Amino acid sequence: MPFTLDRIKTSEQIRYWQDNIPVEYLYTVGDVAEKFFERIRDEAKITGIRCGNCRLVYVPPRSYCEKCFARLEEWVELEPKGCVETYTIIHVDTKGSKLEKPVVLAKIKIDNAHGGFIHKLGEVNTEDVKIGMRVEAVFEDKDKRKGSILDIKYFRPADQPKTVDK
């Protein structure tokens, strides 16, 4: 069947590819996210970026304000604390096998920032997790950090004693 730009009228006219399509690519997070992850890796700090017009502080940071579309360039250091906005308790892995211990994933809103991110909760019993719970970041040991969101091991209840950053 020759290729045509005409409207398809029957299923016999549908063309498809039945094989693998080899694609090579390099994914980059961009300048803003790279700086965000470098500060987590190198300094164990959560940073945001403030809009000069709206004064909103975005975490994770982005290049442009979603409210007024201004270019964002003012970096601010934030306390690695926040609160649980919502959460889920996971009892099975991606293959459907029961986990040895449930995993709690939560949407964390970082204090004094607009936005937040989803991350694991640790050092907490599943029955004690609640919306509005105060949490703080626990960072990986410095020699294990690689420059990703996983350099934050998890968030734990904010009233726990702090672990020493190595």
Foldseek 3Di string as FASTA:
>chain_A
DDDDPDDDDDPVPDDDDDDDDDDDDDDDPDDLLLVQLVCCQPPVWGKFWADPPPRATAVVYDQADPPPRHGTDHMDTAAQKFWFQDKDWDQADPVRHGDPAIWIWTFTDGPRHDGGGIWTEDPDDPVPDDGGFMWGFDADANVPRDRDPCRGVHIYGPVDDHDDRD
